[in-house]
């Protein structure tokens, strides 16, 4: 079922107050997926809603609440913060890697990772969402047509790798690909 904004508003008002409070509670905590889940679960009733419509309804609630939402802090991308996180890794950092990931809430984003040896593994240093990238890049528009997430992750990751004197790897900086080849020593 697909609804326009006015139909979604009417649908929202027909919900019991307790369910509206539950959804708004998740929205105010910036727990978008939990709010969507509540709506899709109650969508099993005859007025049923699918995930797409549930996401639109939750989006409407985000717009309604605006600045009252307790947003999760974004990852810092400054070299000092990233270097401090890398210094806390369990193993010796042997490379910095940027890899694509995605979900239904944030679309595509980039994970900035420290690849370690002794023990071998990886540690997440930052998650670069579009909003994180826009904050980091400021008004700069010199990244087009590339995704700002990729540009920000590449700049921050390359600077950190140079600071740590290790290689930087980003297999797919020009287009999202969560199956791109990973860094190999």
C-alpha atoms as a PDB file:
ATOM      1  CA  UNK A   1       0.000   0.000   0.000  1.00  0.00           C
ATOM      2  CA  UNK A   2       1.413   3.401  -0.958  1.00  0.00           C
ATOM      3  CA  UNK A   3       0.166   6.592   0.657  1.00  0.00           C
ATOM      4  CA  UNK A   4       0.743  10.259   0.003  1.00  0.00           C
ATOM      5  CA  UNK A   5       1.664  12.563   2.893  1.00  0.00           C
ATOM      6  CA  UNK A   6      -1.946  13.552   3.667  1.00  0.00           C
ATOM      7  CA  UNK A   7      -3.083   9.920   3.724  1.00  0.00           C
ATOM      8  CA  UNK A   8      -0.158   9.028   6.008  1.00  0.00           C
ATOM      9  CA  UNK A   9      -1.162  11.820   8.406  1.00  0.00           C
ATOM     10  CA  UNK A  10      -4.740  10.523   8.534  1.00  0.00           C
ATOM     11  CA  UNK A  11      -3.483   6.951   9.012  1.00  0.00           C
ATOM     12  CA  UNK A  12      -1.179   8.127  11.833  1.00  0.00           C
ATOM     13  CA  UNK A  13      -4.035   9.847  13.674  1.00  0.00           C
ATOM     14  CA  UNK A  14      -6.148   6.660  13.584  1.00  0.00           C
ATOM     15  CA  UNK A  15      -3.513   4.703  15.529  1.00  0.00           C
ATOM     16  CA  UNK A  16      -4.026   4.163  19.246  1.00  0.00           C
ATOM     17  CA  UNK A  17      -2.197   6.743  21.368  1.00  0.00           C
ATOM     18  CA  UNK A  18       0.035   4.072  22.904  1.00  0.00           C
ATOM     19  CA  UNK A  19       1.382   2.963  19.530  1.00  0.00           C
ATOM     20  CA  UNK A  20       1.911   6.583  18.429  1.00  0.00           C
ATOM     21  CA  UNK A  21       3.828   7.198  21.680  1.00  0.00           C
ATOM     22  CA  UNK A  22       5.946   4.084  21.129  1.00  0.00           C
ATOM     23  CA  UNK A  23       6.863   5.070  17.574  1.00  0.00           C
ATOM     24  CA  UNK A  24       7.578   8.671  18.600  1.00  0.00           C
ATOM     25  CA  UNK A  25       9.671   7.380  21.512  1.00  0.00           C
ATOM     26  CA  UNK A  26      11.887   5.471  19.098  1.00  0.00           C
ATOM     27  CA  UNK A  27      12.053   8.463  16.751  1.00  0.00           C
ATOM     28  CA  UNK A  28      13.090  10.785  19.589  1.00  0.00           C
ATOM     29  CA  UNK A  29      15.869   8.287  20.438  1.00  0.00           C
ATOM     30  CA  UNK A  30      16.934   8.247  16.758  1.00  0.00           C
ATOM     31  CA  UNK A  31      16.078   4.541  16.588  1.00  0.00           C
ATOM     32  CA  UNK A  32      14.608   4.651  13.081  1.00  0.00           C
ATOM     33  CA  UNK A  33      14.625   0.904  12.448  1.00  0.00           C
ATOM     34  CA  UNK A  34      12.781   0.161  15.690  1.00  0.00           C
ATOM     35  CA  UNK A  35      10.105   2.733  14.793  1.00  0.00           C
ATOM     36  CA  UNK A  36       9.738   1.216  11.317  1.00  0.00           C
ATOM     37  CA  UNK A  37       9.480  -2.240  12.864  1.00  0.00           C
ATOM     38  CA  UNK A  38       6.609  -1.174  15.132  1.00  0.00           C
ATOM     39  CA  UNK A  39       4.692   0.197  12.149  1.00  0.00           C
ATOM     40  CA  UNK A  40       5.288  -2.859   9.987  1.00  0.00           C
ATOM     41  CA  UNK A  41       4.251  -5.160  12.835  1.00  0.00           C
ATOM     42  CA  UNK A  42       0.977  -3.330  13.374  1.00  0.00           C
ATOM     43  CA  UNK A  43       0.638  -3.311   9.597  1.00  0.00           C
ATOM     44  CA  UNK A  44      -0.554  -6.890   9.927  1.00  0.00           C
ATOM     45  CA  UNK A  45      -3.989  -5.456  10.628  1.00  0.00           C
ATOM     46  CA  UNK A  46      -6.422  -4.815   7.722  1.00  0.00           C
ATOM     47  CA  UNK A  47      -4.923  -1.327   7.180  1.00  0.00           C
ATOM     48  CA  UNK A  48      -1.561  -3.055   6.577  1.00  0.00           C
ATOM     49  CA  UNK A  49       1.562  -1.116   5.708  1.00  0.00           C
ATOM     50  CA  UNK A  50       4.698  -2.308   4.022  1.00  0.00           C
ATOM     51  CA  UNK A  51       8.268  -1.344   4.831  1.00  0.00           C
ATOM     52  CA  UNK A  52       8.348   1.446   2.221  1.00  0.00           C
ATOM     53  CA  UNK A  53       5.251   3.131   3.647  1.00  0.00           C
ATOM     54  CA  UNK A  54       6.461   2.564   7.210  1.00  0.00           C
ATOM     55  CA  UNK A  55       9.732   4.321   6.348  1.00  0.00           C
ATOM     56  CA  UNK A  56       7.776   7.270   4.933  1.00  0.00           C
ATOM     57  CA  UNK A  57       5.622   7.471   8.060  1.00  0.00           C
ATOM     58  CA  UNK A  58       8.681   7.386  10.310  1.00  0.00           C
ATOM     59  CA  UNK A  59      10.289  10.024   8.084  1.00  0.00           C
ATOM     60  CA  UNK A  60       7.221  12.199   8.644  1.00  0.00           C
ATOM     61  CA  UNK A  61       7.676  11.763  12.408  1.00  0.00           C
ATOM     62  CA  UNK A  62      11.348  12.755  12.116  1.00  0.00           C
ATOM     63  CA  UNK A  63      10.286  15.947  10.325  1.00  0.00           C
ATOM     64  CA  UNK A  64       7.619  16.563  12.962  1.00  0.00           C
ATOM     65  CA  UNK A  65      10.071  16.268  15.873  1.00  0.00           C
ATOM     66  CA  UNK A  66      13.043  17.964  14.166  1.00  0.00           C
ATOM     67  CA  UNK A  67      15.655  19.236  16.613  1.00  0.00           C
ATOM     68  CA  UNK A  68      14.083  17.383  19.556  1.00  0.00           C
ATOM     69  CA  UNK A  69      15.553  14.105  18.284  1.00  0.00           C
ATOM     70  CA  UNK A  70      18.586  12.912  20.265  1.00  0.00           C
ATOM     71  CA  UNK A  71      20.836  12.228  17.290  1.00  0.00           C
ATOM     72  CA  UNK A  72      23.629   9.723  17.607  1.00  0.00           C
ATOM     73  CA  UNK A  73      27.006  11.448  17.484  1.00  0.00           C
ATOM     74  CA  UNK A  74      28.850  11.159  14.205  1.00  0.00           C
ATOM     75  CA  UNK A  75      32.335   9.690  13.972  1.00  0.00           C
ATOM     76  CA  UNK A  76      35.156  12.220  14.101  1.00  0.00           C
ATOM     77  CA  UNK A  77      37.325  12.316  10.977  1.00  0.00           C
ATOM     78  CA  UNK A  78      40.127  14.559  12.211  1.00  0.00           C
ATOM     79  CA  UNK A  79      43.569  12.987  12.108  1.00  0.00           C
ATOM     80  CA  UNK A  80      44.195  13.330  15.847  1.00  0.00           C
ATOM     81  CA  UNK A  81      41.007  11.444  16.786  1.00  0.00           C
ATOM     82  CA  UNK A  82      41.550   8.738  14.181  1.00  0.00           C
ATOM     83  CA  UNK A  83      45.196   8.293  15.229  1.00  0.00           C
ATOM     84  CA  UNK A  84      44.112   7.992  18.858  1.00  0.00           C
ATOM     85  CA  UNK A  85      41.606   5.284  17.935  1.00  0.00           C
ATOM     86  CA  UNK A  86      44.197   3.478  15.810  1.00  0.00           C
ATOM     87  CA  UNK A  87      46.653   3.565  18.738  1.00  0.00           C
ATOM     88  CA  UNK A  88      44.053   1.679  20.796  1.00  0.00           C
ATOM     89  CA  UNK A  89      43.865  -1.254  18.381  1.00  0.00           C
ATOM     90  CA  UNK A  90      44.662  -4.692  19.801  1.00  0.00           C
ATOM     91  CA  UNK A  91      47.283  -5.375  17.134  1.00  0.00           C
ATOM     92  CA  UNK A  92      49.892  -3.466  15.163  1.00  0.00           C
ATOM     93  CA  UNK A  93      48.221  -1.332  12.461  1.00  0.00           C
ATOM     94  CA  UNK A  94      49.500  -2.446   9.051  1.00  0.00           C
ATOM     95  CA  UNK A  95      47.020  -0.598   6.785  1.00  0.00           C
ATOM     96  CA  UNK A  96      44.083   1.762   6.758  1.00  0.00           C
ATOM     97  CA  UNK A  97      41.178   0.627   4.624  1.00  0.00           C
ATOM     98  CA  UNK A  98      37.914   2.177   3.453  1.00  0.00           C
ATOM     99  CA  UNK A  99      35.071  -0.186   2.583  1.00  0.00           C
ATOM    100  CA  UNK A 100      31.521   0.440   1.416  1.00  0.00           C
ATOM    101  CA  UNK A 101      28.530  -0.690   3.441  1.00  0.00           C
ATOM    102  CA  UNK A 102      24.865   0.183   3.356  1.00  0.00           C
ATOM    103  CA  UNK A 103      21.491  -0.212   4.957  1.00  0.00           C
ATOM    104  CA  UNK A 104      17.912   0.886   4.436  1.00  0.00           C
ATOM    105  CA  UNK A 105      18.237   3.833   6.799  1.00  0.00           C
ATOM    106  CA  UNK A 106      21.489   5.455   5.676  1.00  0.00           C
ATOM    107  CA  UNK A 107      21.749   4.164   2.107  1.00  0.00           C
ATOM    108  CA  UNK A 108      25.463   3.806   1.255  1.00  0.00           C
ATOM    109  CA  UNK A 109      28.202   4.749   3.726  1.00  0.00           C
ATOM    110  CA  UNK A 110      31.906   4.002   4.157  1.00  0.00           C
ATOM    111  CA  UNK A 111      33.598   2.232   7.061  1.00  0.00           C
ATOM    112  CA  UNK A 112      37.127   3.425   7.821  1.00  0.00           C
ATOM    113  CA  UNK A 113      39.090   0.502   9.277  1.00  0.00           C
ATOM    114  CA  UNK A 114      42.503  -0.150  10.791  1.00  0.00           C
ATOM    115  CA  UNK A 115      43.841  -3.479   9.526  1.00  0.00           C
ATOM    116  CA  UNK A 116      46.019  -5.104  12.180  1.00  0.00           C
ATOM    117  CA  UNK A 117      48.607  -7.838  12.564  1.00  0.00           C
ATOM    118  CA  UNK A 118      49.767  -9.570  15.749  1.00  0.00           C
ATOM    119  CA  UNK A 119      46.864 -10.361  16.145  1.00  0.00           C
ATOM    120  CA  UNK A 120      45.406 -10.179  12.646  1.00  0.00           C
ATOM    121  CA  UNK A 121      42.089  -8.373  12.441  1.00  0.00           C
ATOM    122  CA  UNK A 122      40.484  -5.049  11.847  1.00  0.00           C
ATOM    123  CA  UNK A 123      39.112  -2.282  14.016  1.00  0.00           C
ATOM    124  CA  UNK A 124      36.480   0.230  13.025  1.00  0.00           C
ATOM    125  CA  UNK A 125      37.805   3.764  13.283  1.00  0.00           C
ATOM    126  CA  UNK A 126      34.872   5.696  11.821  1.00  0.00           C
ATOM    127  CA  UNK A 127      31.611   5.345   9.944  1.00  0.00           C
ATOM    128  CA  UNK A 128      31.279   7.955   7.222  1.00  0.00           C
ATOM    129  CA  UNK A 129      27.625   8.653   6.500  1.00  0.00           C
ATOM    130  CA  UNK A 130      26.589  11.348   4.021  1.00  0.00           C
ATOM    131  CA  UNK A 131      25.987  13.784   6.902  1.00  0.00           C
ATOM    132  CA  UNK A 132      29.425  12.984   8.377  1.00  0.00           C
ATOM    133  CA  UNK A 133      31.021  13.606   4.986  1.00  0.00           C
ATOM    134  CA  UNK A 134      29.185  16.878   4.463  1.00  0.00           C
ATOM    135  CA  UNK A 135      30.281  18.096   7.901  1.00  0.00           C
ATOM    136  CA  UNK A 136      33.891  17.065   7.192  1.00  0.00           C
ATOM    137  CA  UNK A 137      34.015  18.472   3.650  1.00  0.00           C
ATOM    138  CA  UNK A 138      32.166  21.683   4.508  1.00  0.00           C
ATOM    139  CA  UNK A 139      31.037  23.706   1.529  1.00  0.00           C
ATOM    140  CA  UNK A 140      33.544  21.984  -0.767  1.00  0.00           C
ATOM    141  CA  UNK A 141      31.872  20.663  -3.897  1.00  0.00           C
ATOM    142  CA  UNK A 142      35.064  19.516  -5.639  1.00  0.00           C
ATOM    143  CA  UNK A 143      34.150  15.873  -5.059  1.00  0.00           C
ATOM    144  CA  UNK A 144      31.422  15.686  -7.714  1.00  0.00           C
ATOM    145  CA  UNK A 145      30.435  13.336  -9.303  1.00  0.00           C
ATOM    146  CA  UNK A 146      31.857  11.055  -6.562  1.00  0.00           C
ATOM    147  CA  UNK A 147      29.909  10.298  -3.410  1.00  0.00           C
ATOM    148  CA  UNK A 148      30.866  12.688  -0.588  1.00  0.00           C
ATOM    149  CA  UNK A 149      31.136   9.675   1.749  1.00  0.00           C
ATOM    150  CA  UNK A 150      33.888   8.231  -0.426  1.00  0.00           C
ATOM    151  CA  UNK A 151      35.731  11.534  -0.766  1.00  0.00           C
ATOM    152  CA  UNK A 152      35.692  12.201   2.985  1.00  0.00           C
ATOM    153  CA  UNK A 153      36.739   8.645   3.864  1.00  0.00           C
ATOM    154  CA  UNK A 154      39.519   8.724   1.288  1.00  0.00           C
ATOM    155  CA  UNK A 155      40.888  12.085   2.480  1.00  0.00           C
ATOM    156  CA  UNK A 156      40.742  11.197   6.167  1.00  0.00           C
ATOM    157  CA  UNK A 157      41.975   7.634   5.614  1.00  0.00           C
ATOM    158  CA  UNK A 158      44.846   8.626   3.345  1.00  0.00           C
ATOM    159  CA  UNK A 159      45.983  11.343   5.787  1.00  0.00           C
ATOM    160  CA  UNK A 160      45.877   8.854   8.684  1.00  0.00           C
ATOM    161  CA  UNK A 161      47.753   6.209   6.682  1.00  0.00           C
ATOM    162  CA  UNK A 162      50.475   8.743   5.821  1.00  0.00           C
ATOM    163  CA  UNK A 163      50.669   9.788   9.485  1.00  0.00           C
ATOM    164  CA  UNK A 164      51.051   6.128  10.538  1.00  0.00           C
ATOM    165  CA  UNK A 165      53.365   5.296   7.590  1.00  0.00           C
ATOM    166  CA  UNK A 166      51.127   2.438   6.421  1.00  0.00           C
ATOM    167  CA  UNK A 167      49.325   1.802   3.113  1.00  0.00           C
ATOM    168  CA  UNK A 168      45.831   3.112   2.421  1.00  0.00           C
ATOM    169  CA  UNK A 169      43.387   0.938   0.484  1.00  0.00           C
ATOM    170  CA  UNK A 170      40.000   1.823  -1.005  1.00  0.00           C
ATOM    171  CA  UNK A 171      39.084  -0.670  -3.726  1.00  0.00           C
ATOM    172  CA  UNK A 172      36.041   1.192  -5.035  1.00  0.00           C
ATOM    173  CA  UNK A 173      36.253   4.936  -4.336  1.00  0.00           C
ATOM    174  CA  UNK A 174      34.219   5.947  -7.394  1.00  0.00           C
ATOM    175  CA  UNK A 175      31.104   3.846  -6.855  1.00  0.00           C
ATOM    176  CA  UNK A 176      29.552   1.920  -3.949  1.00  0.00           C
ATOM    177  CA  UNK A 177      30.535  -1.737  -3.964  1.00  0.00           C
ATOM    178  CA  UNK A 178      30.334  -3.713  -0.742  1.00  0.00           C
ATOM    179  CA  UNK A 179      31.921  -6.708  -2.463  1.00  0.00           C
ATOM    180  CA  UNK A 180      35.040  -4.891  -3.702  1.00  0.00           C
ATOM    181  CA  UNK A 181      38.347  -6.686  -3.019  1.00  0.00           C
ATOM    182  CA  UNK A 182      39.725  -6.145   0.467  1.00  0.00           C
ATOM    183  CA  UNK A 183      43.295  -5.190   1.352  1.00  0.00           C
ATOM    184  CA  UNK A 184      45.788  -8.027   1.281  1.00  0.00           C
ATOM    185  CA  UNK A 185      49.231  -7.827   2.918  1.00  0.00           C
END
